[in-house]
Amino acid sequence: MDEGLISRHLVEPYDGSAGPLLRIAEDRLLPGAGYGAHRHADVDVVVVVLSGSLVHGWGGRPTLRAGDVGVLRAGTGLVHDEVAGADGAHLLQTYLRTTTPGQEPGHRVVRWTAGARRGWVDLGRADARLWIARVPDDETVPVPPGLRVVATRDRVWAGPVPSTGEGRVTGPATVCVWQLDRARPLWAVE
């Protein structure tokens, strides 16, 4: 990994207790910093850019900006890098065990638009759903049930939202809710 990366694991249920979920990490990259070329196989990586920008070094080298979601299916394997733009990057990376081992690698970007501040992101899999909301200052939105990751100006946390009431989040914040098939997968360690 390059200098200029701070990574904090928020959720890491390697025992299969969260179905396909392997890890959710909060990453901060200084301008021009990256992860270094690294390999993935048989994992889906879902990146939510909270602020800044990130250039993905595979699949056409798309640039993801705040609010965008990148969905990387590593499939049979690929080597890639991600590098922060001139404004750095603050992002959430979620790793999911693949549903279809041996598939061809692929990458797509779901672009954020001002008209769609909240909603479901189609991940193309039945065992994991992602809902995202970008909540403006002093607005309160209802949040669906599931594993919540909330990012405010000051901090990022996973789990229940403290002191704001069940199912509601007040901005400014970005909220990600993961609904996961919690059936214990075959690969899970007891």
Protein backbone atom coordinates (compact mmCIF):
# COMPACT_ATOMS: atom_id res chain seq x y z
CA MET A 1 0.00 0.00 0.00
CA ASP A 2 1.10 3.54 -0.70
CA GLU A 3 1.82 6.19 1.90
CA GLY A 4 -1.15 8.46 2.44
CA LEU A 5 -3.74 5.73 3.13
CA ILE A 6 -5.59 5.39 6.41
CA SER A 7 -7.90 2.37 6.57
CA ARG A 8 -10.24 1.43 9.41
CA HIS A 9 -12.29 -1.77 9.43
CA LEU A 10 -15.84 -1.09 10.60
CA VAL A 11 -17.32 -4.59 10.24
CA GLU A 12 -15.40 -7.82 9.65
CA PRO A 13 -17.54 -10.97 10.12
CA TYR A 14 -15.23 -13.58 8.58
CA ASP A 15 -17.28 -16.35 10.24
CA GLY A 16 -20.16 -16.04 7.75
CA SER A 17 -22.59 -14.65 10.36
CA ALA A 18 -23.48 -11.80 7.97
CA GLY A 19 -24.01 -14.02 4.94
CA PRO A 20 -21.84 -12.86 2.02
CA LEU A 21 -20.37 -9.86 3.87
CA LEU A 22 -16.62 -10.18 4.51
CA ARG A 23 -15.66 -6.63 5.49
CA ILE A 24 -16.66 -2.97 5.45
CA ALA A 25 -13.75 -0.51 5.67
CA GLU A 26 -13.54 3.26 5.83
CA ASP A 27 -10.57 4.48 3.79
CA ARG A 28 -9.04 7.94 3.52
CA LEU A 29 -6.49 8.64 0.80
CA LEU A 30 -4.39 11.76 0.44
CA PRO A 31 -4.25 13.34 -3.05
CA GLY A 32 -2.46 10.97 -5.44
CA ALA A 33 -2.26 8.15 -2.88
CA GLY A 34 -3.45 4.67 -3.78
CA TYR A 35 -3.52 1.07 -2.68
CA GLY A 36 -0.79 -0.16 -5.02
CA ALA A 37 -1.43 -2.83 -7.63
CA HIS A 38 -3.14 -5.78 -5.95
CA ARG A 39 -5.08 -8.89 -6.92
CA HIS A 40 -8.66 -9.94 -6.18
CA ALA A 41 -10.50 -13.12 -7.13
CA ASP A 42 -13.99 -14.46 -6.34
CA VAL A 43 -15.00 -11.33 -4.44
CA ASP A 44 -17.26 -8.37 -5.20
CA VAL A 45 -15.98 -5.00 -3.98
CA VAL A 46 -18.54 -2.20 -3.62
CA VAL A 47 -17.02 1.28 -3.22
CA VAL A 48 -19.09 4.26 -2.07
CA VAL A 49 -17.23 7.57 -2.49
CA LEU A 50 -18.11 9.86 0.42
CA SER A 51 -15.97 12.81 -0.71
CA GLY A 52 -13.19 13.56 -3.17
CA SER A 53 -12.55 11.37 -6.19
CA LEU A 54 -11.01 8.01 -7.01
CA VAL A 55 -9.56 6.76 -10.31
CA HIS A 56 -10.03 3.03 -10.75
CA GLY A 57 -7.09 1.47 -12.58
CA TRP A 58 -9.02 -1.29 -14.38
CA GLY A 59 -11.97 -1.48 -16.77
CA GLY A 60 -11.53 1.79 -18.64
CA ARG A 61 -10.05 3.76 -15.73
CA PRO A 62 -13.29 5.47 -14.62
CA THR A 63 -13.18 8.32 -12.11
CA LEU A 64 -15.64 7.99 -9.24
CA ARG A 65 -16.80 11.18 -7.48
CA ALA A 66 -18.66 11.83 -4.23
CA GLY A 67 -21.88 9.82 -4.20
CA ASP A 68 -20.81 7.42 -6.95
CA VAL A 69 -20.80 3.67 -6.33
CA GLY A 70 -18.31 1.35 -8.01
CA VAL A 71 -19.15 -2.34 -8.25
CA LEU A 72 -16.14 -4.54 -9.05
CA ARG A 73 -16.67 -8.25 -9.69
CA ALA A 74 -13.22 -9.80 -9.47
CA GLY A 75 -14.45 -13.14 -10.82
CA THR A 76 -11.61 -15.37 -12.03
CA GLY A 77 -9.14 -12.70 -10.93
CA LEU A 78 -7.75 -9.31 -11.82
CA VAL A 79 -4.99 -6.94 -10.79
CA HIS A 80 -5.95 -3.30 -10.27
CA ASP A 81 -5.22 -0.14 -8.32
CA GLU A 82 -7.28 2.79 -7.14
CA VAL A 83 -5.71 6.24 -6.77
CA ALA A 84 -7.19 9.35 -5.15
CA GLY A 85 -7.69 12.43 -7.28
CA ALA A 86 -6.25 15.89 -6.60
CA ASP A 87 -8.82 16.39 -3.82
CA GLY A 88 -8.05 13.09 -2.03
CA ALA A 89 -10.73 10.49 -1.35
CA HIS A 90 -12.87 9.36 1.57
CA LEU A 91 -14.72 6.13 0.86
CA LEU A 92 -16.38 3.00 2.14
CA GLN A 93 -15.27 -0.33 0.67
CA THR A 94 -17.46 -3.37 1.18
CA TYR A 95 -16.21 -6.84 0.31
CA LEU A 96 -18.76 -9.56 -0.49
CA ARG A 97 -18.01 -13.19 -1.28
CA THR A 98 -18.96 -13.79 -4.91
CA THR A 99 -22.21 -15.58 -5.71
CA THR A 100 -20.80 -17.15 -8.89
CA PRO A 101 -17.20 -18.37 -8.68
CA GLY A 102 -15.37 -18.50 -12.00
CA GLN A 103 -17.22 -15.67 -13.74
CA GLU A 104 -15.44 -13.12 -15.91
CA PRO A 105 -14.26 -9.95 -14.09
CA GLY A 106 -16.30 -6.80 -14.54
CA HIS A 107 -16.65 -3.25 -13.24
CA ARG A 108 -19.43 -0.71 -13.41
CA VAL A 109 -20.09 2.69 -11.89
CA VAL A 110 -23.46 3.89 -10.63
CA ARG A 111 -23.39 7.69 -10.86
CA TRP A 112 -24.89 9.93 -8.23
CA THR A 113 -27.37 12.48 -9.49
CA ALA A 114 -28.78 15.42 -7.54
CA GLY A 115 -32.32 14.30 -8.38
CA ALA A 116 -31.83 10.89 -6.77
CA ARG A 117 -30.44 11.59 -3.32
CA ARG A 118 -31.57 8.22 -1.96
CA GLY A 119 -32.50 4.79 -3.13
CA TRP A 120 -31.47 1.22 -3.85
CA VAL A 121 -28.35 0.39 -5.86
CA ASP A 122 -28.74 -2.64 -8.11
CA LEU A 123 -25.84 -4.94 -7.25
CA GLY A 124 -27.07 -7.76 -9.50
CA ARG A 125 -27.21 -10.28 -6.67
CA ALA A 126 -30.08 -11.65 -4.57
CA ASP A 127 -28.17 -12.10 -1.30
CA ALA A 128 -27.11 -8.46 -0.75
CA ARG A 129 -28.94 -5.16 -1.25
CA LEU A 130 -27.56 -1.65 -0.76
CA TRP A 131 -29.60 1.47 0.00
CA ILE A 132 -27.85 4.85 0.01
CA ALA A 133 -29.01 8.31 1.08
CA ARG A 134 -27.18 11.62 0.95
CA VAL A 135 -28.99 13.54 3.66
CA PRO A 136 -28.71 17.37 3.51
CA ASP A 137 -28.18 19.63 6.54
CA ASP A 138 -31.04 19.48 9.07
CA GLU A 139 -33.13 17.06 6.99
CA THR A 140 -34.30 13.80 8.57
CA VAL A 141 -34.98 10.73 6.44
CA PRO A 142 -36.48 7.33 7.24
CA VAL A 143 -33.96 4.52 6.84
CA PRO A 144 -34.84 0.92 5.94
CA PRO A 145 -33.85 -1.91 8.29
CA GLY A 146 -30.44 -3.50 7.90
CA LEU A 147 -26.79 -3.01 8.78
CA ARG A 148 -26.24 0.76 8.76
CA VAL A 149 -23.06 2.67 8.02
CA VAL A 150 -23.44 6.39 8.72
CA ALA A 151 -20.87 8.99 7.67
CA THR A 152 -21.08 12.55 9.01
CA ARG A 153 -18.53 15.36 8.75
CA ASP A 154 -16.86 14.17 11.95
CA ARG A 155 -17.09 10.40 12.03
CA VAL A 156 -18.19 7.13 10.45
CA TRP A 157 -19.81 4.28 12.34
CA ALA A 158 -21.62 1.01 11.68
CA GLY A 159 -24.66 -0.38 13.48
CA PRO A 160 -27.62 1.33 15.11
CA VAL A 161 -27.77 5.11 14.85
CA PRO A 162 -27.23 6.50 18.37
CA SER A 163 -29.74 8.98 19.84
CA THR A 164 -31.58 9.82 16.59
CA GLY A 165 -34.36 7.26 16.87
CA GLU A 166 -34.76 3.89 15.21
CA GLY A 167 -35.03 4.06 11.45
CA ARG A 168 -34.26 7.77 10.98
CA VAL A 169 -31.07 9.75 10.28
CA THR A 170 -30.60 13.53 10.42
CA GLY A 171 -28.11 15.19 8.11
CA PRO A 172 -25.70 16.18 7.02
CA ALA A 173 -24.79 12.53 6.48
CA THR A 174 -24.33 9.77 3.96
CA VAL A 175 -26.13 6.58 4.98
CA CYS A 176 -25.56 3.11 3.57
CA VAL A 177 -27.88 0.28 4.60
CA TRP A 178 -26.95 -3.30 3.79
CA GLN A 179 -29.69 -5.91 3.70
CA LEU A 180 -27.98 -9.29 3.68
CA ASP A 181 -29.18 -12.86 3.35
CA ARG A 182 -27.95 -14.05 6.74
CA ALA A 183 -28.05 -17.75 5.88
CA ARG A 184 -24.69 -19.21 6.78
CA PRO A 185 -22.81 -19.69 3.49
CA LEU A 186 -21.03 -22.96 2.66
CA TRP A 187 -17.60 -21.29 2.93
CA ALA A 188 -18.24 -20.02 6.51
CA VAL A 189 -15.95 -21.04 9.33
CA GLU A 190 -17.73 -22.35 12.43
